[in-house]
């Protein structure tokens, strides 16, 4: 099966679609399209990911490659790809993805 996520960035107004599928060997393959070439290059260069890449921040290829990338420090791409991969790995229940509840960062004006 494949897990898919979409995210929309502010203030750059870029959009990305990410698909993660688990291989028979237990690795995770990432495919993405984005209106941001930096994000697309980052995401499509991650495969394959291991379970360690999903769970160990220090050893994770996701975080190591993000630090090396030329993307903005507040980019949501690492969180988005990890969220899709966690669903694919069974670390987030697939039933939760069917609820249509978005993950978000909200601006609060008091």
PDB file of N, CA and C in Angstrom:
ATOM      1  N   UNK A   1       0.842  -1.173   0.000  1.00  0.00           N
ATOM      2  CA  UNK A   1       0.000   0.000   0.000  1.00  0.00           C
ATOM      3  C   UNK A   1       0.891   1.241   0.000  1.00  0.00           C
ATOM      4  N   UNK A   2       0.317   2.362  -0.315  1.00  0.00           N
ATOM      5  CA  UNK A   2       1.050   3.619  -0.341  1.00  0.00           C
ATOM      6  C   UNK A   2       0.375   4.613   0.583  1.00  0.00           C
ATOM      7  N   UNK A   3       1.167   5.401   1.289  1.00  0.00           N
ATOM      8  CA  UNK A   3       0.637   6.473   2.124  1.00  0.00           C
ATOM      9  C   UNK A   3       0.963   7.795   1.453  1.00  0.00           C
ATOM     10  N   UNK A   4      -0.028   8.680   1.396  1.00  0.00           N
ATOM     11  CA  UNK A   4       0.137   9.950   0.696  1.00  0.00           C
ATOM     12  C   UNK A   4      -0.192  11.103   1.630  1.00  0.00           C
ATOM     13  N   UNK A   5       0.591  12.164   1.518  1.00  0.00           N
ATOM     14  CA  UNK A   5       0.295  13.403   2.243  1.00  0.00           C
ATOM     15  C   UNK A   5       0.498  14.576   1.291  1.00  0.00           C
ATOM     16  N   UNK A   6      -0.132  15.687   1.627  1.00  0.00           N
ATOM     17  CA  UNK A   6       0.031  16.935   0.883  1.00  0.00           C
ATOM     18  C   UNK A   6       0.238  18.027   1.912  1.00  0.00           C
ATOM     19  N   UNK A   7       1.124  18.943   1.611  1.00  0.00           N
ATOM     20  CA  UNK A   7       1.259  20.085   2.503  1.00  0.00           C
ATOM     21  C   UNK A   7       1.405  21.360   1.706  1.00  0.00           C
ATOM     22  N   UNK A   8       1.043  22.434   2.345  1.00  0.00           N
ATOM     23  CA  UNK A   8       1.050  23.759   1.730  1.00  0.00           C
ATOM     24  C   UNK A   8       1.837  24.664   2.652  1.00  0.00           C
ATOM     25  N   UNK A   9       2.846  25.330   2.105  1.00  0.00           N
ATOM     26  CA  UNK A   9       3.720  26.174   2.922  1.00  0.00           C
ATOM     27  C   UNK A   9       3.326  27.640   2.859  1.00  0.00           C
ATOM     28  N   UNK A  10       3.536  28.323   3.954  1.00  0.00           N
ATOM     29  CA  UNK A  10       3.422  29.771   4.050  1.00  0.00           C
ATOM     30  C   UNK A  10       4.752  30.256   4.610  1.00  0.00           C
ATOM     31  N   UNK A  11       5.343  31.268   4.178  1.00  0.00           N
ATOM     32  CA  UNK A  11       4.880  32.291   3.244  1.00  0.00           C
ATOM     33  C   UNK A  11       5.280  32.051   1.789  1.00  0.00           C
ATOM     34  N   UNK A  12       5.949  30.954   1.488  1.00  0.00           N
ATOM     35  CA  UNK A  12       6.427  30.742   0.118  1.00  0.00           C
ATOM     36  C   UNK A  12       5.320  30.303  -0.825  1.00  0.00           C
ATOM     37  N   UNK A  13       4.206  29.816  -0.307  1.00  0.00           N
ATOM     38  CA  UNK A  13       3.043  29.404  -1.091  1.00  0.00           C
ATOM     39  C   UNK A  13       3.310  28.180  -1.964  1.00  0.00           C
ATOM     40  N   UNK A  14       4.301  27.365  -1.609  1.00  0.00           N
ATOM     41  CA  UNK A  14       4.567  26.137  -2.352  1.00  0.00           C
ATOM     42  C   UNK A  14       3.686  25.003  -1.840  1.00  0.00           C
ATOM     43  N   UNK A  15       3.447  24.051  -2.724  1.00  0.00           N
ATOM     44  CA  UNK A  15       2.657  22.863  -2.400  1.00  0.00           C
ATOM     45  C   UNK A  15       3.454  21.626  -2.804  1.00  0.00           C
ATOM     46  N   UNK A  16       3.340  20.601  -1.986  1.00  0.00           N
ATOM     47  CA  UNK A  16       4.049  19.353  -2.272  1.00  0.00           C
ATOM     48  C   UNK A  16       3.127  18.170  -2.022  1.00  0.00           C
ATOM     49  N   UNK A  17       3.270  17.142  -2.825  1.00  0.00           N
ATOM     50  CA  UNK A  17       2.576  15.871  -2.636  1.00  0.00           C
ATOM     51  C   UNK A  17       3.640  14.802  -2.458  1.00  0.00           C
ATOM     52  N   UNK A  18       3.471  13.994  -1.423  1.00  0.00           N
ATOM     53  CA  UNK A  18       4.468  12.986  -1.074  1.00  0.00           C
ATOM     54  C   UNK A  18       3.789  11.625  -0.992  1.00  0.00           C
ATOM     55  N   UNK A  19       4.406  10.631  -1.594  1.00  0.00           N
ATOM     56  CA  UNK A  19       3.945   9.249  -1.490  1.00  0.00           C
ATOM     57  C   UNK A  19       5.071   8.407  -0.917  1.00  0.00           C
ATOM     58  N   UNK A  20       4.739   7.573   0.047  1.00  0.00           N
ATOM     59  CA  UNK A  20       5.712   6.660   0.646  1.00  0.00           C
ATOM     60  C   UNK A  20       5.127   5.253   0.578  1.00  0.00           C
ATOM     61  N   UNK A  21       5.916   4.324   0.097  1.00  0.00           N
ATOM     62  CA  UNK A  21       5.489   2.925   0.085  1.00  0.00           C
ATOM     63  C   UNK A  21       6.588   2.073   0.704  1.00  0.00           C
ATOM     64  N   UNK A  22       6.162   1.024   1.387  1.00  0.00           N
ATOM     65  CA  UNK A  22       7.111   0.111   2.012  1.00  0.00           C
ATOM     66  C   UNK A  22       7.418  -1.016   1.027  1.00  0.00           C
ATOM     67  N   UNK A  23       8.695  -1.345   0.904  1.00  0.00           N
ATOM     68  CA  UNK A  23       9.120  -2.437   0.026  1.00  0.00           C
ATOM     69  C   UNK A  23       8.999  -3.768   0.760  1.00  0.00           C
ATOM     70  N   UNK A  24       9.127  -4.843   0.025  1.00  0.00           N
ATOM     71  CA  UNK A  24       9.103  -6.179   0.638  1.00  0.00           C
ATOM     72  C   UNK A  24      10.255  -6.364   1.613  1.00  0.00           C
ATOM     73  N   UNK A  25      11.345  -5.610   1.426  1.00  0.00           N
ATOM     74  CA  UNK A  25      12.506  -5.699   2.313  1.00  0.00           C
ATOM     75  C   UNK A  25      12.346  -4.855   3.575  1.00  0.00           C
ATOM     76  N   UNK A  26      11.270  -4.074   3.670  1.00  0.00           N
ATOM     77  CA  UNK A  26      11.034  -3.256   4.856  1.00  0.00           C
ATOM     78  C   UNK A  26      11.598  -1.848   4.772  1.00  0.00           C
ATOM     79  N   UNK A  27      12.096  -1.453   3.604  1.00  0.00           N
ATOM     80  CA  UNK A  27      12.543  -0.080   3.407  1.00  0.00           C
ATOM     81  C   UNK A  27      11.364   0.765   2.942  1.00  0.00           C
ATOM     82  N   UNK A  28      11.551   2.066   2.911  1.00  0.00           N
ATOM     83  CA  UNK A  28      10.489   2.985   2.534  1.00  0.00           C
ATOM     84  C   UNK A  28      10.965   3.834   1.365  1.00  0.00           C
ATOM     85  N   UNK A  29      10.193   3.822   0.286  1.00  0.00           N
ATOM     86  CA  UNK A  29      10.517   4.557  -0.935  1.00  0.00           C
ATOM     87  C   UNK A  29       9.663   5.814  -0.977  1.00  0.00           C
ATOM     88  N   UNK A  30      10.304   6.936  -1.281  1.00  0.00           N
ATOM     89  CA  UNK A  30       9.643   8.234  -1.307  1.00  0.00           C
ATOM     90  C   UNK A  30       9.579   8.744  -2.731  1.00  0.00           C
ATOM     91  N   UNK A  31       8.408   9.198  -3.137  1.00  0.00           N
ATOM     92  CA  UNK A  31       8.223   9.873  -4.421  1.00  0.00           C
ATOM     93  C   UNK A  31       7.451  11.140  -4.143  1.00  0.00           C
ATOM     94  N   UNK A  32       7.871  12.239  -4.753  1.00  0.00           N
ATOM     95  CA  UNK A  32       7.220  13.516  -4.463  1.00  0.00           C
ATOM     96  C   UNK A  32       7.181  14.415  -5.678  1.00  0.00           C
ATOM     97  N   UNK A  33       6.174  15.263  -5.692  1.00  0.00           N
ATOM     98  CA  UNK A  33       6.108  16.374  -6.628  1.00  0.00           C
ATOM     99  C   UNK A  33       5.943  17.626  -5.783  1.00  0.00           C
ATOM    100  N   UNK A  34       6.506  18.704  -6.253  1.00  0.00           N
ATOM    101  CA  UNK A  34       6.424  19.945  -5.501  1.00  0.00           C
ATOM    102  C   UNK A  34       6.555  21.127  -6.446  1.00  0.00           C
ATOM    103  N   UNK A  35       5.950  22.233  -6.052  1.00  0.00           N
ATOM    104  CA  UNK A  35       6.155  23.471  -6.795  1.00  0.00           C
ATOM    105  C   UNK A  35       7.493  24.097  -6.428  1.00  0.00           C
ATOM    106  N   UNK A  36       8.172  23.531  -5.427  1.00  0.00           N
ATOM    107  CA  UNK A  36       9.484  24.012  -5.005  1.00  0.00           C
ATOM    108  C   UNK A  36      10.559  23.030  -5.476  1.00  0.00           C
ATOM    109  N   UNK A  37      11.450  23.438  -6.357  1.00  0.00           N
ATOM    110  CA  UNK A  37      12.486  22.522  -6.830  1.00  0.00           C
ATOM    111  C   UNK A  37      13.426  22.048  -5.722  1.00  0.00           C
ATOM    112  N   UNK A  38      13.656  22.883  -4.718  1.00  0.00           N
ATOM    113  CA  UNK A  38      14.526  22.480  -3.598  1.00  0.00           C
ATOM    114  C   UNK A  38      13.897  21.327  -2.824  1.00  0.00           C
ATOM    115  N   UNK A  39      12.610  21.430  -2.559  1.00  0.00           N
ATOM    116  CA  UNK A  39      11.894  20.387  -1.827  1.00  0.00           C
ATOM    117  C   UNK A  39      11.815  19.117  -2.659  1.00  0.00           C
ATOM    118  N   UNK A  40      11.499  19.252  -3.927  1.00  0.00           N
ATOM    119  CA  UNK A  40      11.398  18.078  -4.788  1.00  0.00           C
ATOM    120  C   UNK A  40      12.729  17.332  -4.839  1.00  0.00           C
ATOM    121  N   UNK A  41      13.820  18.061  -4.968  1.00  0.00           N
ATOM    122  CA  UNK A  41      15.166  17.455  -4.984  1.00  0.00           C
ATOM    123  C   UNK A  41      15.446  16.748  -3.649  1.00  0.00           C
ATOM    124  N   UNK A  42      15.127  17.399  -2.544  1.00  0.00           N
ATOM    125  CA  UNK A  42      15.339  16.828  -1.213  1.00  0.00           C
ATOM    126  C   UNK A  42      14.533  15.538  -1.042  1.00  0.00           C
ATOM    127  N   UNK A  43      13.240  15.607  -1.300  1.00  0.00           N
ATOM    128  CA  UNK A  43      12.369  14.457  -1.056  1.00  0.00           C
ATOM    129  C   UNK A  43      12.695  13.283  -1.974  1.00  0.00           C
ATOM    130  N   UNK A  44      12.926  13.541  -3.240  1.00  0.00           N
ATOM    131  CA  UNK A  44      13.198  12.452  -4.175  1.00  0.00           C
ATOM    132  C   UNK A  44      14.601  11.877  -4.025  1.00  0.00           C
ATOM    133  N   UNK A  45      15.439  12.517  -3.220  1.00  0.00           N
ATOM    134  CA  UNK A  45      16.771  11.996  -2.946  1.00  0.00           C
ATOM    135  C   UNK A  45      16.862  11.180  -1.666  1.00  0.00           C
ATOM    136  N   UNK A  46      15.752  10.987  -0.970  1.00  0.00           N
ATOM    137  CA  UNK A  46      15.784  10.300   0.329  1.00  0.00           C
ATOM    138  C   UNK A  46      15.755   8.779   0.241  1.00  0.00           C
ATOM    139  N   UNK A  47      15.172   8.217  -0.786  1.00  0.00           N
ATOM    140  CA  UNK A  47      14.972   6.764  -0.857  1.00  0.00           C
ATOM    141  C   UNK A  47      16.278   6.013  -1.009  1.00  0.00           C
ATOM    142  N   UNK A  48      16.347   4.839  -0.418  1.00  0.00           N
ATOM    143  CA  UNK A  48      15.379   4.248   0.489  1.00  0.00           C
ATOM    144  C   UNK A  48      15.603   4.730   1.925  1.00  0.00           C
ATOM    145  N   UNK A  49      14.526   4.743   2.690  1.00  0.00           N
ATOM    146  CA  UNK A  49      14.610   5.055   4.117  1.00  0.00           C
ATOM    147  C   UNK A  49      14.451   3.772   4.916  1.00  0.00           C
ATOM    148  N   UNK A  50      15.164   3.682   6.020  1.00  0.00           N
ATOM    149  CA  UNK A  50      15.059   2.529   6.914  1.00  0.00           C
ATOM    150  C   UNK A  50      14.193   2.909   8.116  1.00  0.00           C
ATOM    151  N   UNK A  51      13.887   1.942   8.942  1.00  0.00           N
ATOM    152  CA  UNK A  51      13.145   2.219  10.166  1.00  0.00           C
ATOM    153  C   UNK A  51      13.951   3.166  11.064  1.00  0.00           C
ATOM    154  N   UNK A  52      15.259   3.048  11.066  1.00  0.00           N
ATOM    155  CA  UNK A  52      16.105   3.960  11.834  1.00  0.00           C
ATOM    156  C   UNK A  52      15.922   5.394  11.341  1.00  0.00           C
ATOM    157  N   UNK A  53      15.801   5.563  10.035  1.00  0.00           N
ATOM    158  CA  UNK A  53      15.584   6.902   9.486  1.00  0.00           C
ATOM    159  C   UNK A  53      14.267   7.505   9.961  1.00  0.00           C
ATOM    160  N   UNK A  54      13.317   6.665  10.306  1.00  0.00           N
ATOM    161  CA  UNK A  54      12.007   7.139  10.772  1.00  0.00           C
ATOM    162  C   UNK A  54      11.963   7.398  12.268  1.00  0.00           C
ATOM    163  N   UNK A  55      12.893   6.823  13.014  1.00  0.00           N
ATOM    164  CA  UNK A  55      12.762   6.866  14.476  1.00  0.00           C
ATOM    165  C   UNK A  55      13.927   7.485  15.224  1.00  0.00           C
ATOM    166  N   UNK A  56      15.089   7.560  14.630  1.00  0.00           N
ATOM    167  CA  UNK A  56      16.279   8.057  15.325  1.00  0.00           C
ATOM    168  C   UNK A  56      16.699   9.393  14.721  1.00  0.00           C
ATOM    169  N   UNK A  57      16.361  10.490  15.381  1.00  0.00           N
ATOM    170  CA  UNK A  57      16.627  11.816  14.823  1.00  0.00           C
ATOM    171  C   UNK A  57      18.110  12.045  14.533  1.00  0.00           C
ATOM    172  N   UNK A  58      18.979  11.557  15.378  1.00  0.00           N
ATOM    173  CA  UNK A  58      20.416  11.773  15.185  1.00  0.00           C
ATOM    174  C   UNK A  58      20.930  11.021  13.964  1.00  0.00           C
ATOM    175  N   UNK A  59      20.484   9.802  13.779  1.00  0.00           N
ATOM    176  CA  UNK A  59      20.963   8.961  12.678  1.00  0.00           C
ATOM    177  C   UNK A  59      20.118   9.084  11.408  1.00  0.00           C
ATOM    178  N   UNK A  60      18.989   9.739  11.471  1.00  0.00           N
ATOM    179  CA  UNK A  60      18.029   9.783  10.372  1.00  0.00           C
ATOM    180  C   UNK A  60      18.559  10.488   9.134  1.00  0.00           C
ATOM    181  N   UNK A  61      18.448   9.807   8.004  1.00  0.00           N
ATOM    182  CA  UNK A  61      18.794  10.407   6.721  1.00  0.00           C
ATOM    183  C   UNK A  61      17.905  11.619   6.439  1.00  0.00           C
ATOM    184  N   UNK A  62      16.659  11.591   6.911  1.00  0.00           N
ATOM    185  CA  UNK A  62      15.746  12.711   6.686  1.00  0.00           C
ATOM    186  C   UNK A  62      16.327  13.985   7.290  1.00  0.00           C
ATOM    187  N   UNK A  63      16.753  13.919   8.536  1.00  0.00           N
ATOM    188  CA  UNK A  63      17.272  15.109   9.200  1.00  0.00           C
ATOM    189  C   UNK A  63      18.665  15.485   8.704  1.00  0.00           C
ATOM    190  N   UNK A  64      19.498  14.498   8.462  1.00  0.00           N
ATOM    191  CA  UNK A  64      20.848  14.791   7.959  1.00  0.00           C
ATOM    192  C   UNK A  64      20.791  15.493   6.606  1.00  0.00           C
ATOM    193  N   UNK A  65      19.934  15.013   5.715  1.00  0.00           N
ATOM    194  CA  UNK A  65      19.817  15.620   4.392  1.00  0.00           C
ATOM    195  C   UNK A  65      19.122  16.984   4.468  1.00  0.00           C
ATOM    196  N   UNK A  66      18.192  17.150   5.404  1.00  0.00           N
ATOM    197  CA  UNK A  66      17.530  18.437   5.572  1.00  0.00           C
ATOM    198  C   UNK A  66      18.533  19.507   5.998  1.00  0.00           C
ATOM    199  N   UNK A  67      19.409  19.156   6.921  1.00  0.00           N
ATOM    200  CA  UNK A  67      20.428  20.110   7.375  1.00  0.00           C
ATOM    201  C   UNK A  67      21.343  20.502   6.217  1.00  0.00           C
ATOM    202  N   UNK A  68      21.677  19.551   5.348  1.00  0.00           N
ATOM    203  CA  UNK A  68      22.562  19.825   4.212  1.00  0.00           C
ATOM    204  C   UNK A  68      21.855  20.581   3.084  1.00  0.00           C
ATOM    205  N   UNK A  69      20.543  20.559   3.070  1.00  0.00           N
ATOM    206  CA  UNK A  69      19.791  21.128   1.953  1.00  0.00           C
ATOM    207  C   UNK A  69      19.807  22.650   1.978  1.00  0.00           C
ATOM    208  N   UNK A  70      19.357  23.227   0.874  1.00  0.00           N
ATOM    209  CA  UNK A  70      19.242  24.682   0.794  1.00  0.00           C
ATOM    210  C   UNK A  70      17.810  25.160   1.036  1.00  0.00           C
ATOM    211  N   UNK A  71      16.998  24.316   1.674  1.00  0.00           N
ATOM    212  CA  UNK A  71      15.622  24.681   2.003  1.00  0.00           C
ATOM    213  C   UNK A  71      15.592  25.556   3.253  1.00  0.00           C
ATOM    214  N   UNK A  72      14.508  26.276   3.392  1.00  0.00           N
ATOM    215  CA  UNK A  72      14.308  27.123   4.558  1.00  0.00           C
ATOM    216  C   UNK A  72      14.213  26.270   5.821  1.00  0.00           C
ATOM    217  N   UNK A  73      14.688  26.807   6.936  1.00  0.00           N
ATOM    218  CA  UNK A  73      14.677  26.080   8.207  1.00  0.00           C
ATOM    219  C   UNK A  73      13.270  25.763   8.696  1.00  0.00           C
ATOM    220  N   UNK A  74      12.268  26.514   8.256  1.00  0.00           N
ATOM    221  CA  UNK A  74      10.899  26.258   8.723  1.00  0.00           C
ATOM    222  C   UNK A  74      10.091  25.402   7.755  1.00  0.00           C
ATOM    223  N   UNK A  75      10.723  24.816   6.748  1.00  0.00           N
ATOM    224  CA  UNK A  75      10.016  23.999   5.766  1.00  0.00           C
ATOM    225  C   UNK A  75       9.396  22.769   6.428  1.00  0.00           C
ATOM    226  N   UNK A  76       8.181  22.449   6.010  1.00  0.00           N
ATOM    227  CA  UNK A  76       7.447  21.317   6.586  1.00  0.00           C
ATOM    228  C   UNK A  76       7.750  19.975   5.915  1.00  0.00           C
ATOM    229  N   UNK A  77       8.609  19.963   4.908  1.00  0.00           N
ATOM    230  CA  UNK A  77       8.891  18.724   4.172  1.00  0.00           C
ATOM    231  C   UNK A  77       9.356  17.571   5.062  1.00  0.00           C
ATOM    232  N   UNK A  78      10.298  17.777   5.990  1.00  0.00           N
ATOM    233  CA  UNK A  78      10.710  16.638   6.830  1.00  0.00           C
ATOM    234  C   UNK A  78       9.546  16.061   7.654  1.00  0.00           C
ATOM    235  N   UNK A  79       8.747  16.906   8.243  1.00  0.00           N
ATOM    236  CA  UNK A  79       7.599  16.420   9.032  1.00  0.00           C
ATOM    237  C   UNK A  79       6.590  15.701   8.147  1.00  0.00           C
ATOM    238  N   UNK A  80       6.366  16.230   6.957  1.00  0.00           N
ATOM    239  CA  UNK A  80       5.389  15.619   6.063  1.00  0.00           C
ATOM    240  C   UNK A  80       5.836  14.235   5.608  1.00  0.00           C
ATOM    241  N   UNK A  81       7.095  14.095   5.202  1.00  0.00           N
ATOM    242  CA  UNK A  81       7.560  12.787   4.735  1.00  0.00           C
ATOM    243  C   UNK A  81       7.598  11.786   5.883  1.00  0.00           C
ATOM    244  N   UNK A  82       7.979  12.226   7.068  1.00  0.00           N
ATOM    245  CA  UNK A  82       7.981  11.315   8.215  1.00  0.00           C
ATOM    246  C   UNK A  82       6.564  10.893   8.586  1.00  0.00           C
ATOM    247  N   UNK A  83       5.613  11.795   8.495  1.00  0.00           N
ATOM    248  CA  UNK A  83       4.228  11.447   8.810  1.00  0.00           C
ATOM    249  C   UNK A  83       3.708  10.390   7.850  1.00  0.00           C
ATOM    250  N   UNK A  84       3.959  10.574   6.550  1.00  0.00           N
ATOM    251  CA  UNK A  84       3.537   9.568   5.575  1.00  0.00           C
ATOM    252  C   UNK A  84       4.241   8.231   5.819  1.00  0.00           C
ATOM    253  N   UNK A  85       5.528   8.280   6.123  1.00  0.00           N
ATOM    254  CA  UNK A  85       6.287   7.048   6.370  1.00  0.00           C
ATOM    255  C   UNK A  85       5.809   6.350   7.643  1.00  0.00           C
ATOM    256  N   UNK A  86       5.466   7.124   8.665  1.00  0.00           N
ATOM    257  CA  UNK A  86       4.965   6.513   9.897  1.00  0.00           C
ATOM    258  C   UNK A  86       3.647   5.782   9.644  1.00  0.00           C
ATOM    259  N   UNK A  87       2.799   6.328   8.805  1.00  0.00           N
ATOM    260  CA  UNK A  87       1.561   5.625   8.454  1.00  0.00           C
ATOM    261  C   UNK A  87       1.902   4.334   7.744  1.00  0.00           C
ATOM    262  N   UNK A  88       2.805   4.409   6.788  1.00  0.00           N
ATOM    263  CA  UNK A  88       3.187   3.230   6.015  1.00  0.00           C
ATOM    264  C   UNK A  88       3.827   2.166   6.911  1.00  0.00           C
ATOM    265  N   UNK A  89       4.541   2.590   7.946  1.00  0.00           N
ATOM    266  CA  UNK A  89       5.200   1.662   8.876  1.00  0.00           C
ATOM    267  C   UNK A  89       4.254   1.130   9.951  1.00  0.00           C
ATOM    268  N   UNK A  90       3.035   1.655   9.998  1.00  0.00           N
ATOM    269  CA  UNK A  90       2.082   1.222  11.018  1.00  0.00           C
ATOM    270  C   UNK A  90       2.246   1.941  12.348  1.00  0.00           C
ATOM    271  N   UNK A  91       3.020   3.007  12.362  1.00  0.00           N
ATOM    272  CA  UNK A  91       3.245   3.763  13.597  1.00  0.00           C
ATOM    273  C   UNK A  91       2.148   4.803  13.827  1.00  0.00           C
ATOM    274  N   UNK A  92       1.382   5.100  12.810  1.00  0.00           N
ATOM    275  CA  UNK A  92       0.162   5.896  12.895  1.00  0.00           C
ATOM    276  C   UNK A  92      -0.913   5.054  12.233  1.00  0.00           C
ATOM    277  N   UNK A  93      -2.034   4.906  12.897  1.00  0.00           N
ATOM    278  CA  UNK A  93      -3.106   4.069  12.354  1.00  0.00           C
ATOM    279  C   UNK A  93      -3.628   4.642  11.048  1.00  0.00           C
ATOM    280  N   UNK A  94      -3.716   3.790  10.034  1.00  0.00           N
ATOM    281  CA  UNK A  94      -4.234   4.218   8.733  1.00  0.00           C
ATOM    282  C   UNK A  94      -5.651   4.764   8.862  1.00  0.00           C
ATOM    283  N   UNK A  95      -6.404   4.257   9.825  1.00  0.00           N
ATOM    284  CA  UNK A  95      -7.771   4.756  10.039  1.00  0.00           C
ATOM    285  C   UNK A  95      -7.772   6.238  10.395  1.00  0.00           C
ATOM    286  N   UNK A  96      -6.721   6.701  11.042  1.00  0.00           N
ATOM    287  CA  UNK A  96      -6.632   8.134  11.364  1.00  0.00           C
ATOM    288  C   UNK A  96      -6.502   8.984  10.102  1.00  0.00           C
ATOM    289  N   UNK A  97      -5.891   8.445   9.061  1.00  0.00           N
ATOM    290  CA  UNK A  97      -5.723   9.216   7.830  1.00  0.00           C
ATOM    291  C   UNK A  97      -7.043   9.406   7.108  1.00  0.00           C
ATOM    292  N   UNK A  98      -7.995   8.543   7.366  1.00  0.00           N
ATOM    293  CA  UNK A  98      -9.294   8.624   6.693  1.00  0.00           C
ATOM    294  C   UNK A  98     -10.224   9.642   7.352  1.00  0.00           C
ATOM    295  N   UNK A  99      -9.840  10.167   8.479  1.00  0.00           N
ATOM    296  CA  UNK A  99     -10.679  11.134   9.193  1.00  0.00           C
ATOM    297  C   UNK A  99     -10.618  12.521   8.576  1.00  0.00           C
ATOM    298  N   UNK A 100      -9.604  12.765   7.750  1.00  0.00           N
ATOM    299  CA  UNK A 100      -9.495  14.058   7.089  1.00  0.00           C
ATOM    300  C   UNK A 100      -9.108  15.193   8.020  1.00  0.00           C
ATOM    301  N   UNK A 101      -8.473  14.877   9.130  1.00  0.00           N
ATOM    302  CA  UNK A 101      -8.052  15.900  10.079  1.00  0.00           C
ATOM    303  C   UNK A 101      -6.656  16.370   9.674  1.00  0.00           C
ATOM    304  N   UNK A 102      -6.523  17.636   9.308  1.00  0.00           N
ATOM    305  CA  UNK A 102      -5.208  18.112   8.880  1.00  0.00           C
ATOM    306  C   UNK A 102      -4.272  18.350  10.051  1.00  0.00           C
ATOM    307  N   UNK A 103      -2.985  18.161   9.795  1.00  0.00           N
ATOM    308  CA  UNK A 103      -1.969  18.599  10.740  1.00  0.00           C
ATOM    309  C   UNK A 103      -1.698  20.047  10.372  1.00  0.00           C
ATOM    310  N   UNK A 104      -1.557  20.919  11.360  1.00  0.00           N
ATOM    311  CA  UNK A 104      -1.419  22.325  10.989  1.00  0.00           C
ATOM    312  C   UNK A 104      -0.609  23.116  12.003  1.00  0.00           C
ATOM    313  N   UNK A 105      -0.148  24.256  11.538  1.00  0.00           N
ATOM    314  CA  UNK A 105       0.451  25.270  12.395  1.00  0.00           C
ATOM    315  C   UNK A 105      -0.465  26.471  12.281  1.00  0.00           C
ATOM    316  N   UNK A 106      -0.960  26.909  13.381  1.00  0.00           N
ATOM    317  CA  UNK A 106      -1.962  27.978  13.374  1.00  0.00           C
ATOM    318  C   UNK A 106      -1.393  29.263  13.943  1.00  0.00           C
ATOM    319  N   UNK A 107      -1.654  30.360  13.268  1.00  0.00           N
ATOM    320  CA  UNK A 107      -1.271  31.674  13.796  1.00  0.00           C
ATOM    321  C   UNK A 107      -2.358  32.126  14.746  1.00  0.00           C
ATOM    322  N   UNK A 108      -1.937  32.561  15.937  1.00  0.00           N
ATOM    323  CA  UNK A 108      -2.892  33.019  16.959  1.00  0.00           C
ATOM    324  C   UNK A 108      -2.628  34.491  17.215  1.00  0.00           C
ATOM    325  N   UNK A 109      -3.653  35.287  17.077  1.00  0.00           N
ATOM    326  CA  UNK A 109      -3.546  36.732  17.326  1.00  0.00           C
ATOM    327  C   UNK A 109      -4.370  37.061  18.559  1.00  0.00           C
ATOM    328  N   UNK A 110      -3.666  37.325  19.652  1.00  0.00           N
ATOM    329  CA  UNK A 110      -4.374  37.672  20.897  1.00  0.00           C
ATOM    330  C   UNK A 110      -4.535  39.166  21.025  1.00  0.00           C
TER     331      UNK A 110
END
